[in-house]
Amino acid sequence: MRFLIPIAVLVALIALFAVGLSRDPREVPSPLIGKPAPAFALPGLGGTPAAASPADWRGRTVLVNYFASWCAGCRVEHPLLMQLAQQQGVEIVGMAYKDAEADTRQWLERHGNPYRSVIVDAAGGAGLDWGVYGVPETFVVGPDGRILHKQIGPMTVEAWEQKIRPLLGGMAR
């Protein structure tokens, strides 16, 4: 009888561990879904615009893409972001996360710039407020300023078609 309790605890821990391992880490729910996008006032790349914040996006649905020149996953998703911006007219705001401005500029010159604007989050403070724990991460922010979705890791065609595009309604061609 005295061995039943430890065995039951061990079985429960194994079951919890198995469930945890079967989940996709990119599907971590964000506590910010349905809440207003965290406010910030940060400079744009090269100082233009002088400062940017979520208030600048009011009335429009935008993708907010945290990226960095040193990020391998950002390079993977970049062609899709270029396609979405150029061919489908999706408004994408780039958040240069913990990156030197010169490196960000050079990376965008080399790979193309899909962003309507690029905001510099050099210290990563805004990223912390947004719950970013790695790049790339992409958020869908609705016209009312609320976060509708968080994509962890590189954007894929599947994620675009199944999760993000439906949130944009008729905006994405």
N, C-alpha and C. Protein backbone atom coordinates (compact mmCIF):
# COMPACT_ATOMS: atom_id res chain seq x y z
N MET A 1 0.83 -1.20 0.00
CA MET A 1 0.00 0.00 0.00
C MET A 1 0.87 1.26 0.00
N ARG A 2 1.96 1.25 0.76
CA ARG A 2 2.78 2.45 0.85
C ARG A 2 3.50 2.75 -0.46
N PHE A 3 3.59 1.79 -1.38
CA PHE A 3 4.23 2.01 -2.68
C PHE A 3 3.25 2.54 -3.73
N LEU A 4 1.96 2.47 -3.47
CA LEU A 4 0.97 2.91 -4.45
C LEU A 4 1.01 4.41 -4.70
N ILE A 5 1.18 5.18 -3.66
CA ILE A 5 1.20 6.64 -3.83
C ILE A 5 2.40 7.08 -4.66
N PRO A 6 3.62 6.65 -4.37
CA PRO A 6 4.75 7.05 -5.23
C PRO A 6 4.59 6.56 -6.68
N ILE A 7 4.05 5.36 -6.86
CA ILE A 7 3.84 4.84 -8.22
C ILE A 7 2.81 5.70 -8.95
N ALA A 8 1.73 6.07 -8.26
CA ALA A 8 0.70 6.91 -8.87
C ALA A 8 1.26 8.28 -9.25
N VAL A 9 2.10 8.84 -8.38
CA VAL A 9 2.72 10.14 -8.67
C VAL A 9 3.65 10.01 -9.87
N LEU A 10 4.43 8.95 -9.93
CA LEU A 10 5.34 8.72 -11.05
C LEU A 10 4.57 8.57 -12.37
N VAL A 11 3.49 7.81 -12.36
CA VAL A 11 2.67 7.64 -13.56
C VAL A 11 2.08 8.98 -14.01
N ALA A 12 1.61 9.78 -13.06
CA ALA A 12 1.06 11.10 -13.40
C ALA A 12 2.12 12.00 -14.00
N LEU A 13 3.33 11.98 -13.44
CA LEU A 13 4.42 12.80 -13.99
C LEU A 13 4.82 12.35 -15.38
N ILE A 14 4.86 11.06 -15.62
CA ILE A 14 5.18 10.53 -16.95
C ILE A 14 4.12 10.96 -17.95
N ALA A 15 2.85 10.91 -17.55
CA ALA A 15 1.75 11.33 -18.44
C ALA A 15 1.86 12.81 -18.78
N LEU A 16 2.14 13.65 -17.78
CA LEU A 16 2.31 15.08 -18.03
C LEU A 16 3.50 15.34 -18.95
N PHE A 17 4.58 14.65 -18.73
CA PHE A 17 5.77 14.79 -19.56
C PHE A 17 5.47 14.40 -21.01
N ALA A 18 4.75 13.29 -21.19
CA ALA A 18 4.40 12.82 -22.55
C ALA A 18 3.51 13.84 -23.26
N VAL A 19 2.55 14.41 -22.56
CA VAL A 19 1.68 15.42 -23.16
C VAL A 19 2.49 16.65 -23.56
N GLY A 20 3.39 17.08 -22.69
CA GLY A 20 4.23 18.24 -22.99
C GLY A 20 5.11 18.03 -24.20
N LEU A 21 5.66 16.85 -24.34
CA LEU A 21 6.53 16.56 -25.49
C LEU A 21 5.75 16.45 -26.80
N SER A 22 4.48 16.16 -26.72
CA SER A 22 3.69 16.00 -27.95
C SER A 22 3.19 17.33 -28.50
N ARG A 23 3.35 18.40 -27.77
CA ARG A 23 2.87 19.72 -28.22
C ARG A 23 3.91 20.44 -29.03
N ASP A 24 3.43 21.23 -29.99
CA ASP A 24 4.30 22.03 -30.84
C ASP A 24 4.68 23.30 -30.08
N PRO A 25 5.98 23.57 -29.86
CA PRO A 25 6.37 24.76 -29.09
C PRO A 25 5.98 26.07 -29.77
N ARG A 26 5.69 26.03 -31.08
CA ARG A 26 5.26 27.25 -31.77
C ARG A 26 3.81 27.57 -31.50
N GLU A 27 3.12 26.68 -30.80
CA GLU A 27 1.70 26.88 -30.51
C GLU A 27 1.48 27.37 -29.08
N VAL A 28 2.50 27.96 -28.48
CA VAL A 28 2.36 28.49 -27.13
C VAL A 28 1.38 29.66 -27.18
N PRO A 29 0.28 29.57 -26.44
CA PRO A 29 -0.69 30.65 -26.48
C PRO A 29 -0.13 31.92 -25.83
N SER A 30 -0.38 33.03 -26.46
CA SER A 30 0.08 34.30 -25.92
C SER A 30 -0.99 34.89 -25.01
N PRO A 31 -0.61 35.36 -23.84
CA PRO A 31 -1.60 36.00 -22.97
C PRO A 31 -2.06 37.35 -23.52
N LEU A 32 -1.41 37.84 -24.58
CA LEU A 32 -1.76 39.14 -25.15
C LEU A 32 -2.88 39.05 -26.18
N ILE A 33 -3.25 37.85 -26.61
CA ILE A 33 -4.31 37.71 -27.62
C ILE A 33 -5.60 38.34 -27.07
N GLY A 34 -6.17 39.23 -27.87
CA GLY A 34 -7.39 39.91 -27.47
C GLY A 34 -7.17 41.17 -26.64
N LYS A 35 -5.92 41.44 -26.32
CA LYS A 35 -5.60 42.62 -25.52
C LYS A 35 -4.94 43.68 -26.40
N PRO A 36 -4.96 44.94 -25.96
CA PRO A 36 -4.32 45.99 -26.74
C PRO A 36 -2.81 45.73 -26.90
N ALA A 37 -2.31 46.05 -28.07
CA ALA A 37 -0.87 45.93 -28.32
C ALA A 37 -0.14 46.82 -27.33
N PRO A 38 0.93 46.30 -26.72
CA PRO A 38 1.68 47.11 -25.76
C PRO A 38 2.21 48.40 -26.39
N ALA A 39 2.07 49.48 -25.67
CA ALA A 39 2.50 50.79 -26.16
C ALA A 39 4.02 50.91 -26.08
N PHE A 40 4.57 51.66 -27.00
CA PHE A 40 5.98 52.00 -26.99
C PHE A 40 6.15 53.23 -27.86
N ALA A 41 7.26 53.88 -27.73
CA ALA A 41 7.64 54.99 -28.61
C ALA A 41 9.11 54.76 -28.94
N LEU A 42 9.36 54.27 -30.12
CA LEU A 42 10.71 53.94 -30.55
C LEU A 42 11.03 54.63 -31.86
N PRO A 43 12.31 54.86 -32.12
CA PRO A 43 12.68 55.49 -33.40
C PRO A 43 12.55 54.53 -34.56
N GLY A 44 12.33 55.11 -35.72
CA GLY A 44 12.35 54.33 -36.94
C GLY A 44 13.78 54.15 -37.40
N LEU A 45 14.00 53.22 -38.29
CA LEU A 45 15.34 52.97 -38.83
C LEU A 45 15.87 54.23 -39.49
N GLY A 46 17.04 54.65 -39.09
CA GLY A 46 17.62 55.88 -39.63
C GLY A 46 16.96 57.13 -39.09
N GLY A 47 16.15 56.99 -38.02
CA GLY A 47 15.50 58.15 -37.44
C GLY A 47 14.21 58.56 -38.13
N THR A 48 13.78 57.79 -39.15
CA THR A 48 12.56 58.16 -39.87
C THR A 48 11.59 57.00 -39.83
N PRO A 49 10.40 57.11 -39.31
CA PRO A 49 9.87 58.30 -38.63
C PRO A 49 10.60 58.52 -37.30
N ALA A 50 10.50 59.73 -36.81
CA ALA A 50 11.22 60.09 -35.59
C ALA A 50 10.85 59.17 -34.43
N ALA A 51 9.58 58.80 -34.32
CA ALA A 51 9.13 57.86 -33.30
C ALA A 51 7.92 57.13 -33.84
N ALA A 52 7.76 55.91 -33.43
CA ALA A 52 6.63 55.12 -33.89
C ALA A 52 6.02 54.40 -32.70
N SER A 53 4.72 54.13 -32.80
CA SER A 53 4.02 53.42 -31.73
C SER A 53 2.80 52.74 -32.33
N PRO A 54 2.19 51.80 -31.58
CA PRO A 54 0.98 51.13 -32.07
C PRO A 54 -0.16 52.10 -32.39
N ALA A 55 -0.17 53.26 -31.78
CA ALA A 55 -1.22 54.24 -32.10
C ALA A 55 -1.18 54.65 -33.57
N ASP A 56 0.01 54.55 -34.18
CA ASP A 56 0.17 54.91 -35.59
C ASP A 56 -0.56 53.94 -36.52
N TRP A 57 -0.94 52.76 -36.02
CA TRP A 57 -1.57 51.74 -36.87
C TRP A 57 -3.08 51.70 -36.69
N ARG A 58 -3.63 52.52 -35.82
CA ARG A 58 -5.07 52.49 -35.56
C ARG A 58 -5.88 52.56 -36.85
N GLY A 59 -6.92 51.74 -36.91
CA GLY A 59 -7.80 51.73 -38.07
C GLY A 59 -7.35 50.79 -39.18
N ARG A 60 -6.17 50.16 -39.01
CA ARG A 60 -5.66 49.24 -40.03
C ARG A 60 -5.24 47.93 -39.35
N THR A 61 -5.33 46.85 -40.07
CA THR A 61 -4.80 45.59 -39.59
C THR A 61 -3.39 45.46 -40.13
N VAL A 62 -2.43 45.22 -39.24
CA VAL A 62 -1.04 45.12 -39.65
C VAL A 62 -0.40 43.86 -39.08
N LEU A 63 0.62 43.38 -39.78
CA LEU A 63 1.48 42.35 -39.25
C LEU A 63 2.68 43.05 -38.62
N VAL A 64 3.00 42.72 -37.41
CA VAL A 64 4.17 43.26 -36.73
C VAL A 64 5.18 42.12 -36.64
N ASN A 65 6.28 42.27 -37.37
CA ASN A 65 7.26 41.19 -37.49
C ASN A 65 8.55 41.55 -36.76
N TYR A 66 8.83 40.83 -35.68
CA TYR A 66 10.10 40.99 -34.98
C TYR A 66 11.15 40.18 -35.73
N PHE A 67 12.25 40.84 -36.13
CA PHE A 67 13.29 40.20 -36.91
C PHE A 67 14.64 40.78 -36.51
N ALA A 68 15.71 40.15 -37.00
CA ALA A 68 17.06 40.65 -36.76
C ALA A 68 17.97 40.15 -37.87
N SER A 69 19.03 40.89 -38.14
CA SER A 69 19.97 40.50 -39.19
C SER A 69 20.71 39.22 -38.83
N TRP A 70 20.84 38.93 -37.56
CA TRP A 70 21.57 37.76 -37.11
C TRP A 70 20.70 36.51 -36.99
N CYS A 71 19.44 36.61 -37.36
CA CYS A 71 18.45 35.55 -37.15
C CYS A 71 18.34 34.65 -38.39
N ALA A 72 18.65 33.36 -38.22
CA ALA A 72 18.56 32.42 -39.34
C ALA A 72 17.11 32.19 -39.77
N GLY A 73 16.19 32.08 -38.81
CA GLY A 73 14.78 31.87 -39.14
C GLY A 73 14.18 33.06 -39.89
N CYS A 74 14.70 34.25 -39.63
CA CYS A 74 14.22 35.44 -40.32
C CYS A 74 14.54 35.36 -41.81
N ARG A 75 15.69 34.80 -42.11
CA ARG A 75 16.08 34.64 -43.51
C ARG A 75 15.17 33.63 -44.21
N VAL A 76 14.73 32.61 -43.48
CA VAL A 76 13.84 31.59 -44.03
C VAL A 76 12.48 32.19 -44.39
N GLU A 77 11.92 33.01 -43.53
CA GLU A 77 10.58 33.55 -43.76
C GLU A 77 10.58 34.78 -44.69
N HIS A 78 11.73 35.39 -44.89
CA HIS A 78 11.80 36.67 -45.59
C HIS A 78 11.21 36.65 -47.01
N PRO A 79 11.47 35.62 -47.83
CA PRO A 79 10.85 35.61 -49.16
C PRO A 79 9.32 35.64 -49.11
N LEU A 80 8.74 34.95 -48.14
CA LEU A 80 7.28 34.97 -48.00
C LEU A 80 6.80 36.36 -47.60
N LEU A 81 7.50 37.01 -46.69
CA LEU A 81 7.11 38.37 -46.30
C LEU A 81 7.20 39.32 -47.49
N MET A 82 8.24 39.16 -48.30
CA MET A 82 8.38 39.99 -49.51
C MET A 82 7.18 39.77 -50.43
N GLN A 83 6.80 38.53 -50.61
CA GLN A 83 5.66 38.20 -51.47
C GLN A 83 4.36 38.79 -50.92
N LEU A 84 4.15 38.66 -49.63
CA LEU A 84 2.92 39.18 -49.01
C LEU A 84 2.83 40.69 -49.18
N ALA A 85 3.94 41.38 -48.99
CA ALA A 85 3.94 42.84 -49.10
C ALA A 85 3.78 43.29 -50.54
N GLN A 86 4.49 42.66 -51.47
CA GLN A 86 4.50 43.12 -52.86
C GLN A 86 3.30 42.65 -53.66
N GLN A 87 2.92 41.39 -53.50
CA GLN A 87 1.87 40.83 -54.35
C GLN A 87 0.49 40.86 -53.71
N GLN A 88 0.44 40.87 -52.38
CA GLN A 88 -0.86 40.82 -51.73
C GLN A 88 -1.19 42.09 -50.95
N GLY A 89 -0.27 43.04 -50.94
CA GLY A 89 -0.55 44.33 -50.32
C GLY A 89 -0.71 44.30 -48.82
N VAL A 90 -0.11 43.32 -48.15
CA VAL A 90 -0.21 43.22 -46.70
C VAL A 90 0.71 44.27 -46.08
N GLU A 91 0.19 45.00 -45.10
CA GLU A 91 1.01 45.99 -44.40
C GLU A 91 1.78 45.29 -43.30
N ILE A 92 3.10 45.34 -43.41
CA ILE A 92 3.97 44.70 -42.43
C ILE A 92 4.86 45.77 -41.79
N VAL A 93 4.88 45.78 -40.48
CA VAL A 93 5.75 46.68 -39.73
C VAL A 93 6.89 45.83 -39.19
N GLY A 94 8.12 46.23 -39.47
CA GLY A 94 9.27 45.49 -38.99
C GLY A 94 9.75 46.05 -37.67
N MET A 95 10.05 45.16 -36.75
CA MET A 95 10.63 45.53 -35.46
C MET A 95 12.03 44.94 -35.42
N ALA A 96 13.03 45.77 -35.65
CA ALA A 96 14.43 45.33 -35.63
C ALA A 96 14.82 45.08 -34.18
N TYR A 97 14.94 43.82 -33.82
CA TYR A 97 15.06 43.39 -32.43
C TYR A 97 16.51 43.14 -32.05
N LYS A 98 17.00 43.90 -31.08
CA LYS A 98 18.35 43.73 -30.53
C LYS A 98 19.39 43.64 -31.65
N ASP A 99 19.32 44.60 -32.56
CA ASP A 99 20.20 44.60 -33.72
C ASP A 99 20.79 45.99 -33.91
N ALA A 100 22.00 46.06 -34.43
CA ALA A 100 22.61 47.34 -34.75
C ALA A 100 21.95 47.90 -36.01
N GLU A 101 21.67 49.19 -36.01
CA GLU A 101 21.00 49.81 -37.17
C GLU A 101 21.74 49.55 -38.47
N ALA A 102 23.06 49.65 -38.45
CA ALA A 102 23.84 49.43 -39.67
C ALA A 102 23.65 48.00 -40.19
N ASP A 103 23.60 47.03 -39.27
CA ASP A 103 23.40 45.64 -39.67
C ASP A 103 21.99 45.44 -40.24
N THR A 104 21.01 46.06 -39.60
CA THR A 104 19.63 45.96 -40.10
C THR A 104 19.53 46.56 -41.51
N ARG A 105 20.09 47.74 -41.69
CA ARG A 105 20.04 48.40 -43.00
C ARG A 105 20.70 47.53 -44.08
N GLN A 106 21.87 47.01 -43.77
CA GLN A 106 22.60 46.18 -44.72
C GLN A 106 21.83 44.90 -45.05
N TRP A 107 21.22 44.29 -44.06
CA TRP A 107 20.44 43.07 -44.27
C TRP A 107 19.24 43.34 -45.18
N LEU A 108 18.55 44.45 -44.94
CA LEU A 108 17.40 44.79 -45.78
C LEU A 108 17.81 45.15 -47.21
N GLU A 109 18.96 45.79 -47.36
CA GLU A 109 19.45 46.09 -48.70
C GLU A 109 19.78 44.81 -49.46
N ARG A 110 20.33 43.85 -48.76
CA ARG A 110 20.72 42.58 -49.39
C ARG A 110 19.51 41.71 -49.73
N HIS A 111 18.52 41.64 -48.83
CA HIS A 111 17.41 40.69 -48.98
C HIS A 111 16.11 41.33 -49.44
N GLY A 112 16.03 42.65 -49.44
CA GLY A 112 14.79 43.34 -49.79
C GLY A 112 14.07 43.79 -48.54
N ASN A 113 13.22 44.79 -48.71
CA ASN A 113 12.51 45.37 -47.58
C ASN A 113 11.00 45.25 -47.77
N PRO A 114 10.37 44.30 -47.06
CA PRO A 114 8.92 44.14 -47.18
C PRO A 114 8.13 45.04 -46.23
N TYR A 115 8.83 45.83 -45.43
CA TYR A 115 8.18 46.55 -44.33
C TYR A 115 7.71 47.94 -44.76
N ARG A 116 6.51 48.29 -44.32
CA ARG A 116 6.00 49.65 -44.52
C ARG A 116 6.85 50.61 -43.72
N SER A 117 7.22 50.18 -42.51
CA SER A 117 8.15 50.94 -41.68
C SER A 117 8.96 49.95 -40.85
N VAL A 118 10.15 50.39 -40.47
CA VAL A 118 11.02 49.57 -39.63
C VAL A 118 11.29 50.35 -38.35
N ILE A 119 10.97 49.75 -37.23
CA ILE A 119 11.13 50.36 -35.93
C ILE A 119 12.31 49.69 -35.24
N VAL A 120 13.13 50.46 -34.59
CA VAL A 120 14.34 49.95 -33.96
C VAL A 120 14.08 49.68 -32.48
N ASP A 121 14.14 48.42 -32.10
CA ASP A 121 14.02 48.00 -30.70
C ASP A 121 15.39 47.46 -30.28
N ALA A 122 16.38 48.35 -30.27
CA ALA A 122 17.77 47.95 -30.05
C ALA A 122 18.00 47.29 -28.69
N ALA A 123 17.35 47.78 -27.67
CA ALA A 123 17.54 47.22 -26.33
C ALA A 123 16.62 46.03 -26.07
N GLY A 124 15.58 45.86 -26.89
CA GLY A 124 14.66 44.75 -26.71
C GLY A 124 13.56 44.98 -25.70
N GLY A 125 13.42 46.21 -25.20
CA GLY A 125 12.40 46.50 -24.19
C GLY A 125 10.98 46.32 -24.69
N ALA A 126 10.70 46.79 -25.90
CA ALA A 126 9.36 46.62 -26.44
C ALA A 126 9.09 45.14 -26.69
N GLY A 127 10.10 44.42 -27.15
CA GLY A 127 9.95 42.99 -27.37
C GLY A 127 9.55 42.25 -26.10
N LEU A 128 10.13 42.66 -24.97
CA LEU A 128 9.75 42.05 -23.69
C LEU A 128 8.28 42.31 -23.39
N ASP A 129 7.85 43.54 -23.62
CA ASP A 129 6.44 43.89 -23.37
C ASP A 129 5.49 43.09 -24.26
N TRP A 130 5.95 42.77 -25.48
CA TRP A 130 5.14 42.01 -26.43
C TRP A 130 5.24 40.50 -26.19
N GLY A 131 6.09 40.09 -25.26
CA GLY A 131 6.24 38.67 -24.98
C GLY A 131 7.12 37.94 -25.97
N VAL A 132 8.00 38.67 -26.64
CA VAL A 132 8.91 38.05 -27.60
C VAL A 132 10.02 37.35 -26.82
N TYR A 133 10.25 36.09 -27.13
CA TYR A 133 11.36 35.40 -26.50
C TYR A 133 12.32 34.82 -27.53
N GLY A 134 12.11 35.15 -28.78
CA GLY A 134 13.01 34.76 -29.86
C GLY A 134 12.50 35.34 -31.15
N VAL A 135 13.37 35.46 -32.11
CA VAL A 135 12.95 35.95 -33.42
C VAL A 135 13.13 34.84 -34.44
N PRO A 136 12.30 34.80 -35.45
CA PRO A 136 11.23 35.74 -35.74
C PRO A 136 9.94 35.40 -34.97
N GLU A 137 9.20 36.43 -34.71
CA GLU A 137 7.84 36.31 -34.20
C GLU A 137 7.01 37.37 -34.90
N THR A 138 5.78 37.00 -35.25
CA THR A 138 4.91 37.90 -35.99
C THR A 138 3.56 37.98 -35.28
N PHE A 139 3.08 39.19 -35.13
CA PHE A 139 1.79 39.45 -34.49
C PHE A 139 0.84 40.04 -35.52
N VAL A 140 -0.44 39.69 -35.42
CA VAL A 140 -1.48 40.35 -36.20
C VAL A 140 -2.16 41.31 -35.24
N VAL A 141 -2.13 42.60 -35.59
CA VAL A 141 -2.77 43.62 -34.77
C VAL A 141 -3.96 44.16 -35.55
N GLY A 142 -5.14 44.08 -34.95
CA GLY A 142 -6.37 44.50 -35.61
C GLY A 142 -6.53 46.01 -35.64
N PRO A 143 -7.53 46.49 -36.37
CA PRO A 143 -7.74 47.93 -36.50
C PRO A 143 -8.05 48.63 -35.18
N ASP A 144 -8.52 47.86 -34.19
CA ASP A 144 -8.80 48.45 -32.88
C ASP A 144 -7.57 48.43 -31.97
N GLY A 145 -6.43 47.97 -32.50
CA GLY A 145 -5.20 47.95 -31.73
C GLY A 145 -5.00 46.71 -30.87
N ARG A 146 -5.90 45.75 -31.01
CA ARG A 146 -5.79 44.52 -30.22
C ARG A 146 -5.01 43.46 -30.99
N ILE A 147 -4.26 42.65 -30.25
CA ILE A 147 -3.50 41.56 -30.86
C ILE A 147 -4.46 40.40 -31.15
N LEU A 148 -4.48 39.98 -32.41
CA LEU A 148 -5.37 38.92 -32.84
C LEU A 148 -4.68 37.56 -32.90
N HIS A 149 -3.37 37.57 -33.14
CA HIS A 149 -2.65 36.29 -33.33
C HIS A 149 -1.17 36.52 -33.12
N LYS A 150 -0.49 35.45 -32.67
CA LYS A 150 0.97 35.48 -32.54
C LYS A 150 1.53 34.25 -33.24
N GLN A 151 2.42 34.48 -34.18
CA GLN A 151 3.12 33.40 -34.89
C GLN A 151 4.52 33.31 -34.32
N ILE A 152 4.85 32.20 -33.72
CA ILE A 152 6.18 31.98 -33.18
C ILE A 152 6.99 31.24 -34.22
N GLY A 153 8.18 31.73 -34.49
CA GLY A 153 9.04 31.10 -35.48
C GLY A 153 8.75 31.66 -36.86
N PRO A 154 9.46 31.13 -37.87
CA PRO A 154 9.29 31.66 -39.22
C PRO A 154 7.86 31.51 -39.74
N MET A 155 7.39 32.53 -40.42
CA MET A 155 6.09 32.48 -41.08
C MET A 155 6.19 31.46 -42.22
N THR A 156 5.18 30.62 -42.32
CA THR A 156 5.14 29.63 -43.40
C THR A 156 3.90 29.89 -44.24
N VAL A 157 3.87 29.31 -45.43
CA VAL A 157 2.68 29.43 -46.28
C VAL A 157 1.48 28.83 -45.56
N GLU A 158 1.70 27.71 -44.90
CA GLU A 158 0.61 27.05 -44.17
C GLU A 158 0.06 27.97 -43.07
N ALA A 159 0.94 28.56 -42.26
CA ALA A 159 0.49 29.47 -41.20
C ALA A 159 -0.23 30.67 -41.80
N TRP A 160 0.28 31.19 -42.91
CA TRP A 160 -0.35 32.33 -43.57
C TRP A 160 -1.76 31.97 -44.02
N GLU A 161 -1.88 30.87 -44.75
CA GLU A 161 -3.18 30.49 -45.32
C GLU A 161 -4.20 30.08 -44.27
N GLN A 162 -3.76 29.34 -43.26
CA GLN A 162 -4.71 28.77 -42.30
C GLN A 162 -5.01 29.67 -41.11
N LYS A 163 -4.04 30.46 -40.68
CA LYS A 163 -4.24 31.21 -39.43
C LYS A 163 -4.28 32.72 -39.61
N ILE A 164 -3.40 33.24 -40.44
CA ILE A 164 -3.24 34.70 -40.49
C ILE A 164 -4.13 35.34 -41.55
N ARG A 165 -4.11 34.83 -42.75
CA ARG A 165 -4.92 35.42 -43.83
C ARG A 165 -6.40 35.55 -43.45
N PRO A 166 -7.01 34.51 -42.83
CA PRO A 166 -8.42 34.66 -42.44
C PRO A 166 -8.67 35.84 -41.48
N LEU A 167 -7.68 36.19 -40.68
CA LEU A 167 -7.83 37.32 -39.76
C LEU A 167 -7.83 38.66 -40.48
N LEU A 168 -7.25 38.69 -41.67
CA LEU A 168 -7.16 39.94 -42.43
C LEU A 168 -8.42 40.19 -43.27
N GLY A 169 -9.27 39.19 -43.37
CA GLY A 169 -10.50 39.34 -44.14
C GLY A 169 -10.20 39.61 -45.59
N GLY A 170 -10.83 40.60 -46.16
CA GLY A 170 -10.67 40.93 -47.57
C GLY A 170 -9.45 41.78 -47.84
N MET A 171 -8.67 42.11 -46.82
CA MET A 171 -7.54 43.00 -47.01
C MET A 171 -6.43 42.36 -47.84
N ALA A 172 -6.21 41.05 -47.66
CA ALA A 172 -5.14 40.38 -48.40
C ALA A 172 -5.72 39.80 -49.68
N ARG A 173 -5.13 40.18 -50.79
CA ARG A 173 -5.62 39.69 -52.08
C ARG A 173 -5.24 38.26 -52.29
